[in-house]
Amino acid sequence: MTRNRNLILALLLLCLFGALVGCTELDTTDDDSAAPPNPVQGETATVTWVIDGDTIDVRLDGETVRVRYIGINTPEQDEVCYQEATDANAALVRGQTVTLVKDVSNTDKYGRLLRYVYVGDVFVNAELVARGYAESVHYPPDTTNAAYFDNLEASAKANGMGCHPTGVFE
C-alpha cells in the first residue's frame, strides 16, 4: 500500500512540475522509436536509376543527383545478398516520385545527398530494414531514426527476413 501511495505521490508531483513549466501532458512512452516519422517537409524528385540497395539517382530541380539513404547499409556488389537488396529497393522506388527528407547533413564525403526517402506514405529506408535487406547503421550526426531502425533490424533478424539468414549483416 505504501508503494502505491508513493507512486501516486510521485506522479502527482510530476504533473504539478509539468504544470509549473508549461507542460500539459505526461509522456508515458519509453522512447520515440515505436513508429516512423511522417515526411513533414522535403524535396520532391523522380527516381531515374537504382544504383544498389541504398543509393539511387533522382531528377531534382532539373538535375540528376545521387542520393544515399540515411541510417541504413545494404550489401555491396561483391557481397552475398547484393542483388536481392538492390531488387528490393528497385521494387519500392524505380520510376517513382519520392520525397527526400534531410536529417542534419546535406551530403556525404562523396557528394551524395543524404536523405530519408519516402514513396507516398512508405518510408523506404525503414521498409528495407524491416524486410531484412538493409542493416541499421549510425552515422552521426544523422541519427534521428537510429532507434527505430535498430528495432526494425532486431525484428527482421529474429524472424530470419531477407538477407539475415545469409549472415551478411553479422
N, C-alpha and C. Protein backbone atom coordinates (compact mmCIF):
# COMPACT_ATOMS: atom_id res chain seq x y z
N MET A 1 0.82 -1.19 0.00
CA MET A 1 0.00 0.00 0.00
C MET A 1 0.87 1.25 0.00
N THR A 2 1.94 1.25 0.77
CA THR A 2 2.84 2.40 0.82
C THR A 2 3.49 2.63 -0.53
N ARG A 3 3.83 1.54 -1.22
CA ARG A 3 4.46 1.67 -2.53
C ARG A 3 3.51 2.35 -3.52
N ASN A 4 2.24 1.94 -3.51
CA ASN A 4 1.26 2.57 -4.40
C ASN A 4 1.08 4.04 -4.06
N ARG A 5 1.03 4.36 -2.78
CA ARG A 5 0.87 5.75 -2.36
C ARG A 5 2.07 6.58 -2.81
N ASN A 6 3.27 6.01 -2.70
CA ASN A 6 4.47 6.72 -3.14
C ASN A 6 4.47 6.94 -4.65
N LEU A 7 3.99 5.94 -5.39
CA LEU A 7 3.92 6.06 -6.85
C LEU A 7 2.92 7.16 -7.23
N ILE A 8 1.77 7.17 -6.58
CA ILE A 8 0.76 8.19 -6.86
C ILE A 8 1.30 9.57 -6.51
N LEU A 9 1.98 9.67 -5.38
CA LEU A 9 2.56 10.96 -4.97
C LEU A 9 3.60 11.42 -6.00
N ALA A 10 4.43 10.49 -6.47
CA ALA A 10 5.45 10.84 -7.46
C ALA A 10 4.80 11.33 -8.76
N LEU A 11 3.74 10.65 -9.21
CA LEU A 11 3.05 11.07 -10.43
C LEU A 11 2.40 12.43 -10.25
N LEU A 12 1.81 12.67 -9.09
CA LEU A 12 1.21 13.97 -8.83
C LEU A 12 2.26 15.08 -8.84
N LEU A 13 3.41 14.80 -8.25
CA LEU A 13 4.49 15.79 -8.26
C LEU A 13 4.98 16.06 -9.67
N LEU A 14 5.07 15.01 -10.49
CA LEU A 14 5.47 15.20 -11.89
C LEU A 14 4.45 16.05 -12.63
N CYS A 15 3.18 15.79 -12.41
CA CYS A 15 2.13 16.59 -13.06
C CYS A 15 2.19 18.04 -12.59
N LEU A 16 2.39 18.25 -11.28
CA LEU A 16 2.49 19.60 -10.75
C LEU A 16 3.69 20.32 -11.35
N PHE A 17 4.84 19.63 -11.41
CA PHE A 17 6.03 20.21 -12.02
C PHE A 17 5.77 20.55 -13.47
N GLY A 18 5.10 19.63 -14.19
CA GLY A 18 4.77 19.87 -15.59
C GLY A 18 3.90 21.10 -15.76
N ALA A 19 2.95 21.29 -14.88
CA ALA A 19 2.08 22.46 -14.94
C ALA A 19 2.88 23.74 -14.69
N LEU A 20 3.85 23.65 -13.80
CA LEU A 20 4.66 24.83 -13.48
C LEU A 20 5.55 25.26 -14.64
N VAL A 21 5.99 24.29 -15.45
CA VAL A 21 6.88 24.64 -16.57
C VAL A 21 6.15 24.69 -17.89
N GLY A 22 4.82 24.60 -17.85
CA GLY A 22 4.04 24.76 -19.07
C GLY A 22 3.73 23.48 -19.81
N CYS A 23 3.98 22.34 -19.23
CA CYS A 23 3.65 21.07 -19.88
C CYS A 23 2.18 20.79 -19.65
N THR A 24 1.56 20.15 -20.64
CA THR A 24 0.13 19.86 -20.50
C THR A 24 -0.16 18.38 -20.44
N GLU A 25 0.80 17.53 -20.76
CA GLU A 25 0.54 16.10 -20.67
C GLU A 25 1.80 15.38 -20.27
N LEU A 26 1.62 14.21 -19.69
CA LEU A 26 2.72 13.40 -19.23
C LEU A 26 3.05 12.37 -20.30
N ASP A 27 4.28 12.32 -20.77
CA ASP A 27 4.70 11.36 -21.78
C ASP A 27 5.03 10.05 -21.10
N THR A 28 4.28 9.01 -21.43
CA THR A 28 4.49 7.71 -20.79
C THR A 28 5.17 6.72 -21.71
N THR A 29 5.63 7.14 -22.88
CA THR A 29 6.31 6.22 -23.79
C THR A 29 7.74 6.03 -23.35
N ASP A 30 8.26 4.83 -23.64
CA ASP A 30 9.64 4.52 -23.28
C ASP A 30 10.62 5.25 -24.18
N ASP A 31 10.32 5.31 -25.47
CA ASP A 31 11.15 6.04 -26.41
C ASP A 31 10.30 6.42 -27.61
N ASP A 32 10.88 7.16 -28.52
CA ASP A 32 10.12 7.62 -29.67
C ASP A 32 10.37 6.78 -30.91
N SER A 33 10.81 5.54 -30.71
CA SER A 33 11.16 4.70 -31.84
C SER A 33 10.05 3.73 -32.22
N ALA A 34 8.85 3.89 -31.68
CA ALA A 34 7.78 2.94 -31.93
C ALA A 34 7.17 3.09 -33.32
N ALA A 35 7.21 4.25 -33.88
CA ALA A 35 6.58 4.47 -35.18
C ALA A 35 7.44 5.37 -36.04
N PRO A 36 7.37 5.17 -37.35
CA PRO A 36 8.18 6.01 -38.23
C PRO A 36 7.64 7.43 -38.30
N PRO A 37 8.52 8.37 -38.53
CA PRO A 37 8.06 9.74 -38.70
C PRO A 37 7.38 9.91 -40.05
N ASN A 38 6.49 10.86 -40.12
CA ASN A 38 5.87 11.19 -41.40
C ASN A 38 6.68 12.29 -42.05
N PRO A 39 6.80 12.24 -43.37
CA PRO A 39 7.57 13.30 -44.03
C PRO A 39 6.81 14.62 -43.99
N VAL A 40 7.22 15.49 -43.11
CA VAL A 40 6.54 16.77 -42.97
C VAL A 40 6.92 17.68 -44.13
N GLN A 41 8.21 17.78 -44.36
CA GLN A 41 8.67 18.59 -45.48
C GLN A 41 9.85 17.91 -46.13
N GLY A 42 9.99 18.14 -47.39
CA GLY A 42 11.10 17.55 -48.11
C GLY A 42 11.06 17.97 -49.56
N GLU A 43 12.04 17.51 -50.29
CA GLU A 43 12.13 17.81 -51.70
C GLU A 43 11.46 16.68 -52.48
N THR A 44 10.80 17.02 -53.55
CA THR A 44 10.17 16.02 -54.40
C THR A 44 11.07 15.79 -55.61
N ALA A 45 11.28 14.52 -55.92
CA ALA A 45 12.14 14.15 -57.04
C ALA A 45 11.60 12.88 -57.69
N THR A 46 12.12 12.57 -58.86
CA THR A 46 11.74 11.34 -59.56
C THR A 46 12.96 10.43 -59.66
N VAL A 47 12.78 9.17 -59.29
CA VAL A 47 13.89 8.21 -59.35
C VAL A 47 14.16 7.86 -60.81
N THR A 48 15.42 8.04 -61.22
CA THR A 48 15.82 7.74 -62.59
C THR A 48 16.66 6.47 -62.69
N TRP A 49 17.31 6.07 -61.58
CA TRP A 49 18.17 4.90 -61.61
C TRP A 49 18.35 4.37 -60.20
N VAL A 50 18.30 3.05 -60.06
CA VAL A 50 18.58 2.41 -58.78
C VAL A 50 20.00 1.88 -58.86
N ILE A 51 20.87 2.44 -58.05
CA ILE A 51 22.29 2.06 -58.07
C ILE A 51 22.50 0.74 -57.35
N ASP A 52 21.95 0.65 -56.13
CA ASP A 52 22.05 -0.56 -55.32
C ASP A 52 20.96 -0.50 -54.25
N GLY A 53 21.14 -1.21 -53.16
CA GLY A 53 20.11 -1.27 -52.13
C GLY A 53 19.91 -0.01 -51.33
N ASP A 54 20.89 0.89 -51.33
CA ASP A 54 20.76 2.10 -50.50
C ASP A 54 21.17 3.38 -51.22
N THR A 55 21.23 3.33 -52.54
CA THR A 55 21.62 4.50 -53.32
C THR A 55 20.80 4.57 -54.61
N ILE A 56 20.34 5.78 -54.93
CA ILE A 56 19.56 6.00 -56.14
C ILE A 56 20.00 7.29 -56.81
N ASP A 57 19.68 7.40 -58.08
CA ASP A 57 19.78 8.67 -58.79
C ASP A 57 18.37 9.21 -58.95
N VAL A 58 18.24 10.53 -58.78
CA VAL A 58 16.93 11.17 -58.92
C VAL A 58 17.06 12.40 -59.80
N ARG A 59 15.94 12.79 -60.37
CA ARG A 59 15.85 14.06 -61.10
C ARG A 59 15.26 15.06 -60.12
N LEU A 60 16.08 16.05 -59.75
CA LEU A 60 15.70 17.04 -58.75
C LEU A 60 16.01 18.42 -59.29
N ASP A 61 14.99 19.24 -59.42
CA ASP A 61 15.17 20.60 -59.94
C ASP A 61 15.92 20.62 -61.27
N GLY A 62 15.59 19.68 -62.14
CA GLY A 62 16.19 19.65 -63.47
C GLY A 62 17.56 19.01 -63.55
N GLU A 63 18.09 18.52 -62.44
CA GLU A 63 19.42 17.89 -62.42
C GLU A 63 19.32 16.46 -61.95
N THR A 64 20.25 15.62 -62.41
CA THR A 64 20.36 14.27 -61.88
C THR A 64 21.28 14.31 -60.67
N VAL A 65 20.79 13.80 -59.56
CA VAL A 65 21.52 13.87 -58.29
C VAL A 65 21.55 12.47 -57.67
N ARG A 66 22.67 12.09 -57.10
CA ARG A 66 22.80 10.81 -56.41
C ARG A 66 22.39 10.99 -54.95
N VAL A 67 21.58 10.04 -54.46
CA VAL A 67 21.06 10.08 -53.09
C VAL A 67 21.46 8.80 -52.37
N ARG A 68 22.05 8.98 -51.19
CA ARG A 68 22.41 7.86 -50.31
C ARG A 68 21.44 7.86 -49.15
N TYR A 69 20.80 6.71 -48.90
CA TYR A 69 19.82 6.61 -47.83
C TYR A 69 20.50 6.76 -46.47
N ILE A 70 19.90 7.55 -45.60
CA ILE A 70 20.43 7.77 -44.26
C ILE A 70 20.09 6.59 -43.34
N GLY A 71 21.06 6.20 -42.52
CA GLY A 71 20.81 5.28 -41.42
C GLY A 71 20.76 3.81 -41.74
N ILE A 72 21.03 3.47 -43.00
CA ILE A 72 21.00 2.05 -43.36
C ILE A 72 22.20 1.71 -44.23
N ASN A 73 22.46 0.41 -44.33
CA ASN A 73 23.51 -0.08 -45.20
C ASN A 73 23.03 -1.39 -45.80
N THR A 74 23.32 -1.60 -47.08
CA THR A 74 22.97 -2.84 -47.75
C THR A 74 24.25 -3.48 -48.30
N PRO A 75 24.18 -4.77 -48.64
CA PRO A 75 25.37 -5.45 -49.17
C PRO A 75 25.93 -4.77 -50.42
N GLU A 76 27.25 -4.77 -50.51
CA GLU A 76 27.94 -4.21 -51.67
C GLU A 76 27.95 -5.23 -52.80
N GLN A 77 28.34 -4.78 -53.99
CA GLN A 77 28.26 -5.60 -55.20
C GLN A 77 28.97 -6.94 -55.08
N ASP A 78 30.04 -7.01 -54.31
CA ASP A 78 30.79 -8.26 -54.19
C ASP A 78 30.36 -9.09 -52.97
N GLU A 79 29.25 -8.73 -52.34
CA GLU A 79 28.78 -9.43 -51.13
C GLU A 79 27.51 -10.23 -51.40
N VAL A 80 27.32 -11.23 -50.56
CA VAL A 80 26.11 -12.04 -50.61
C VAL A 80 24.90 -11.14 -50.39
N CYS A 81 23.85 -11.38 -51.11
CA CYS A 81 22.56 -10.70 -50.98
C CYS A 81 22.53 -9.31 -51.61
N TYR A 82 23.58 -8.95 -52.35
CA TYR A 82 23.60 -7.65 -53.03
C TYR A 82 22.42 -7.52 -53.99
N GLN A 83 22.25 -8.51 -54.85
CA GLN A 83 21.21 -8.42 -55.87
C GLN A 83 19.81 -8.38 -55.24
N GLU A 84 19.61 -9.17 -54.20
CA GLU A 84 18.32 -9.19 -53.52
C GLU A 84 17.99 -7.83 -52.90
N ALA A 85 18.99 -7.22 -52.27
CA ALA A 85 18.78 -5.90 -51.67
C ALA A 85 18.53 -4.84 -52.74
N THR A 86 19.27 -4.91 -53.82
CA THR A 86 19.08 -3.96 -54.92
C THR A 86 17.69 -4.13 -55.53
N ASP A 87 17.27 -5.37 -55.72
CA ASP A 87 15.94 -5.64 -56.28
C ASP A 87 14.83 -5.15 -55.34
N ALA A 88 15.02 -5.33 -54.04
CA ALA A 88 14.02 -4.87 -53.07
C ALA A 88 13.89 -3.36 -53.12
N ASN A 89 15.01 -2.66 -53.21
CA ASN A 89 14.99 -1.21 -53.32
C ASN A 89 14.30 -0.79 -54.63
N ALA A 90 14.67 -1.44 -55.72
CA ALA A 90 14.08 -1.11 -57.02
C ALA A 90 12.57 -1.31 -57.02
N ALA A 91 12.11 -2.37 -56.38
CA ALA A 91 10.67 -2.64 -56.33
C ALA A 91 9.92 -1.52 -55.61
N LEU A 92 10.59 -0.87 -54.67
CA LEU A 92 9.96 0.22 -53.92
C LEU A 92 10.03 1.56 -54.63
N VAL A 93 11.14 1.84 -55.33
CA VAL A 93 11.36 3.21 -55.81
C VAL A 93 11.50 3.40 -57.31
N ARG A 94 11.77 2.37 -58.07
CA ARG A 94 12.06 2.54 -59.51
C ARG A 94 10.95 3.34 -60.20
N GLY A 95 11.34 4.46 -60.83
CA GLY A 95 10.41 5.28 -61.58
C GLY A 95 9.43 6.08 -60.74
N GLN A 96 9.53 6.00 -59.44
CA GLN A 96 8.58 6.65 -58.54
C GLN A 96 8.94 8.11 -58.25
N THR A 97 7.93 8.87 -57.90
CA THR A 97 8.14 10.19 -57.34
C THR A 97 8.38 9.98 -55.86
N VAL A 98 9.48 10.54 -55.35
CA VAL A 98 9.85 10.34 -53.95
C VAL A 98 9.94 11.69 -53.23
N THR A 99 9.79 11.61 -51.92
CA THR A 99 10.02 12.77 -51.07
C THR A 99 11.34 12.51 -50.35
N LEU A 100 12.25 13.45 -50.44
CA LEU A 100 13.58 13.34 -49.84
C LEU A 100 13.63 14.24 -48.62
N VAL A 101 13.90 13.64 -47.46
CA VAL A 101 13.89 14.38 -46.20
C VAL A 101 15.29 14.38 -45.60
N LYS A 102 15.79 15.55 -45.34
CA LYS A 102 17.13 15.74 -44.76
C LYS A 102 17.09 15.51 -43.25
N ASP A 103 18.19 15.01 -42.70
CA ASP A 103 18.36 14.94 -41.26
C ASP A 103 19.21 16.14 -40.89
N VAL A 104 20.50 15.96 -40.61
CA VAL A 104 21.39 17.07 -40.25
C VAL A 104 22.31 17.42 -41.42
N SER A 105 23.01 16.41 -41.93
CA SER A 105 23.97 16.64 -43.01
C SER A 105 23.28 16.73 -44.36
N ASN A 106 23.82 17.53 -45.24
CA ASN A 106 23.26 17.62 -46.58
C ASN A 106 23.86 16.56 -47.50
N THR A 107 25.20 16.41 -47.46
CA THR A 107 25.87 15.45 -48.34
C THR A 107 26.91 14.66 -47.56
N ASP A 108 27.34 13.54 -48.16
CA ASP A 108 28.43 12.77 -47.56
C ASP A 108 29.75 13.16 -48.23
N LYS A 109 30.82 12.49 -47.86
CA LYS A 109 32.14 12.86 -48.39
C LYS A 109 32.28 12.60 -49.89
N TYR A 110 31.33 11.85 -50.46
CA TYR A 110 31.35 11.58 -51.90
C TYR A 110 30.45 12.53 -52.68
N GLY A 111 29.84 13.49 -51.99
CA GLY A 111 28.97 14.45 -52.64
C GLY A 111 27.54 13.98 -52.87
N ARG A 112 27.19 12.81 -52.33
CA ARG A 112 25.82 12.31 -52.47
C ARG A 112 24.91 13.00 -51.46
N LEU A 113 23.67 13.30 -51.87
CA LEU A 113 22.70 13.82 -50.91
C LEU A 113 22.40 12.72 -49.89
N LEU A 114 22.33 13.08 -48.64
CA LEU A 114 21.94 12.14 -47.59
C LEU A 114 20.48 12.42 -47.25
N ARG A 115 19.62 11.40 -47.43
CA ARG A 115 18.19 11.64 -47.25
C ARG A 115 17.45 10.40 -46.75
N TYR A 116 16.35 10.67 -46.04
CA TYR A 116 15.34 9.66 -45.78
C TYR A 116 14.44 9.73 -47.02
N VAL A 117 14.03 8.58 -47.53
CA VAL A 117 13.29 8.52 -48.78
C VAL A 117 11.89 7.94 -48.53
N TYR A 118 10.90 8.64 -49.07
CA TYR A 118 9.52 8.20 -48.96
C TYR A 118 8.91 8.08 -50.35
N VAL A 119 8.11 7.05 -50.54
CA VAL A 119 7.24 6.92 -51.71
C VAL A 119 5.83 6.94 -51.13
N GLY A 120 5.15 8.05 -51.29
CA GLY A 120 3.86 8.21 -50.62
C GLY A 120 4.06 8.13 -49.12
N ASP A 121 3.35 7.23 -48.47
CA ASP A 121 3.49 7.03 -47.02
C ASP A 121 4.52 5.98 -46.66
N VAL A 122 5.14 5.36 -47.65
CA VAL A 122 6.12 4.29 -47.38
C VAL A 122 7.49 4.92 -47.11
N PHE A 123 8.01 4.65 -45.92
CA PHE A 123 9.33 5.12 -45.51
C PHE A 123 10.33 4.07 -46.01
N VAL A 124 10.93 4.33 -47.15
CA VAL A 124 11.74 3.34 -47.86
C VAL A 124 12.92 2.84 -47.01
N ASN A 125 13.65 3.74 -46.37
CA ASN A 125 14.78 3.33 -45.54
C ASN A 125 14.31 2.28 -44.52
N ALA A 126 13.23 2.58 -43.84
CA ALA A 126 12.69 1.69 -42.80
C ALA A 126 12.18 0.38 -43.40
N GLU A 127 11.52 0.47 -44.54
CA GLU A 127 10.96 -0.72 -45.18
C GLU A 127 12.07 -1.71 -45.56
N LEU A 128 13.19 -1.22 -46.05
CA LEU A 128 14.31 -2.10 -46.40
C LEU A 128 14.88 -2.79 -45.17
N VAL A 129 14.94 -2.08 -44.06
CA VAL A 129 15.42 -2.69 -42.81
C VAL A 129 14.40 -3.71 -42.31
N ALA A 130 13.13 -3.35 -42.32
CA ALA A 130 12.07 -4.24 -41.83
C ALA A 130 12.00 -5.53 -42.62
N ARG A 131 12.29 -5.46 -43.92
CA ARG A 131 12.25 -6.65 -44.77
C ARG A 131 13.55 -7.45 -44.71
N GLY A 132 14.56 -6.92 -44.00
CA GLY A 132 15.81 -7.63 -43.84
C GLY A 132 16.82 -7.44 -44.95
N TYR A 133 16.61 -6.45 -45.81
CA TYR A 133 17.54 -6.21 -46.91
C TYR A 133 18.57 -5.12 -46.60
N ALA A 134 18.42 -4.48 -45.44
CA ALA A 134 19.36 -3.45 -45.01
C ALA A 134 19.57 -3.61 -43.51
N GLU A 135 20.74 -3.17 -43.07
CA GLU A 135 21.01 -3.13 -41.64
C GLU A 135 20.99 -1.69 -41.17
N SER A 136 20.68 -1.51 -39.92
CA SER A 136 20.70 -0.19 -39.31
C SER A 136 22.14 0.18 -39.00
N VAL A 137 22.54 1.38 -39.39
CA VAL A 137 23.87 1.89 -39.07
C VAL A 137 23.75 3.32 -38.57
N HIS A 138 24.63 3.68 -37.67
CA HIS A 138 24.60 5.02 -37.09
C HIS A 138 25.76 5.83 -37.66
N TYR A 139 25.42 6.87 -38.39
CA TYR A 139 26.41 7.79 -38.93
C TYR A 139 26.12 9.18 -38.37
N PRO A 140 26.65 9.47 -37.16
CA PRO A 140 26.38 10.79 -36.56
C PRO A 140 26.85 11.89 -37.50
N PRO A 141 26.15 12.98 -37.54
CA PRO A 141 25.05 13.38 -36.66
C PRO A 141 23.67 12.98 -37.17
N ASP A 142 23.59 12.20 -38.24
CA ASP A 142 22.31 11.87 -38.87
C ASP A 142 21.71 10.60 -38.25
N THR A 143 21.21 10.73 -37.03
CA THR A 143 20.75 9.56 -36.28
C THR A 143 19.32 9.71 -35.74
N THR A 144 18.54 10.58 -36.35
CA THR A 144 17.17 10.81 -35.87
C THR A 144 16.37 9.52 -35.78
N ASN A 145 16.52 8.62 -36.74
CA ASN A 145 15.73 7.38 -36.78
C ASN A 145 16.51 6.14 -36.36
N ALA A 146 17.66 6.33 -35.74
CA ALA A 146 18.53 5.19 -35.40
C ALA A 146 17.83 4.17 -34.51
N ALA A 147 17.18 4.60 -33.46
CA ALA A 147 16.50 3.65 -32.55
C ALA A 147 15.38 2.91 -33.28
N TYR A 148 14.65 3.62 -34.11
CA TYR A 148 13.58 2.99 -34.88
C TYR A 148 14.15 1.93 -35.82
N PHE A 149 15.22 2.27 -36.54
CA PHE A 149 15.85 1.31 -37.44
C PHE A 149 16.42 0.12 -36.67
N ASP A 150 17.02 0.37 -35.50
CA ASP A 150 17.56 -0.72 -34.68
C ASP A 150 16.46 -1.71 -34.31
N ASN A 151 15.28 -1.21 -33.92
CA ASN A 151 14.17 -2.08 -33.58
C ASN A 151 13.69 -2.90 -34.78
N LEU A 152 13.62 -2.25 -35.93
CA LEU A 152 13.21 -2.97 -37.13
C LEU A 152 14.22 -4.06 -37.49
N GLU A 153 15.51 -3.75 -37.35
CA GLU A 153 16.54 -4.74 -37.67
C GLU A 153 16.46 -5.93 -36.73
N ALA A 154 16.27 -5.68 -35.45
CA ALA A 154 16.18 -6.77 -34.48
C ALA A 154 15.02 -7.70 -34.82
N SER A 155 13.90 -7.14 -35.21
CA SER A 155 12.73 -7.93 -35.58
C SER A 155 12.99 -8.73 -36.86
N ALA A 156 13.59 -8.09 -37.86
CA ALA A 156 13.89 -8.78 -39.12
C ALA A 156 14.87 -9.92 -38.89
N LYS A 157 15.86 -9.68 -38.05
CA LYS A 157 16.85 -10.71 -37.75
C LYS A 157 16.20 -11.88 -37.00
N ALA A 158 15.38 -11.56 -36.00
CA ALA A 158 14.72 -12.59 -35.21
C ALA A 158 13.80 -13.46 -36.07
N ASN A 159 13.25 -12.88 -37.12
CA ASN A 159 12.32 -13.59 -38.00
C ASN A 159 12.98 -14.15 -39.26
N GLY A 160 14.31 -14.01 -39.35
CA GLY A 160 15.04 -14.57 -40.49
C GLY A 160 14.65 -13.97 -41.82
N MET A 161 14.39 -12.66 -41.81
CA MET A 161 13.93 -11.98 -43.02
C MET A 161 15.09 -11.61 -43.94
N GLY A 162 14.78 -11.55 -45.24
CA GLY A 162 15.71 -11.01 -46.23
C GLY A 162 17.09 -11.62 -46.20
N CYS A 163 18.08 -10.78 -45.98
CA CYS A 163 19.49 -11.19 -46.02
C CYS A 163 20.00 -11.79 -44.71
N HIS A 164 19.24 -11.72 -43.66
CA HIS A 164 19.73 -12.18 -42.36
C HIS A 164 20.16 -13.65 -42.33
N PRO A 165 19.43 -14.56 -42.98
CA PRO A 165 19.88 -15.95 -42.96
C PRO A 165 21.25 -16.18 -43.61
N THR A 166 21.67 -15.25 -44.48
CA THR A 166 22.96 -15.41 -45.16
C THR A 166 24.13 -15.03 -44.26
N GLY A 167 23.85 -14.33 -43.17
CA GLY A 167 24.91 -13.88 -42.26
C GLY A 167 25.66 -12.66 -42.74
N VAL A 168 25.19 -12.01 -43.79
CA VAL A 168 25.90 -10.86 -44.35
C VAL A 168 25.95 -9.70 -43.37
N PHE A 169 24.98 -9.57 -42.47
CA PHE A 169 24.95 -8.46 -41.52
C PHE A 169 25.57 -8.80 -40.18
N GLU A 170 26.21 -9.92 -40.08
CA GLU A 170 26.81 -10.33 -38.78
C GLU A 170 28.10 -9.62 -38.53
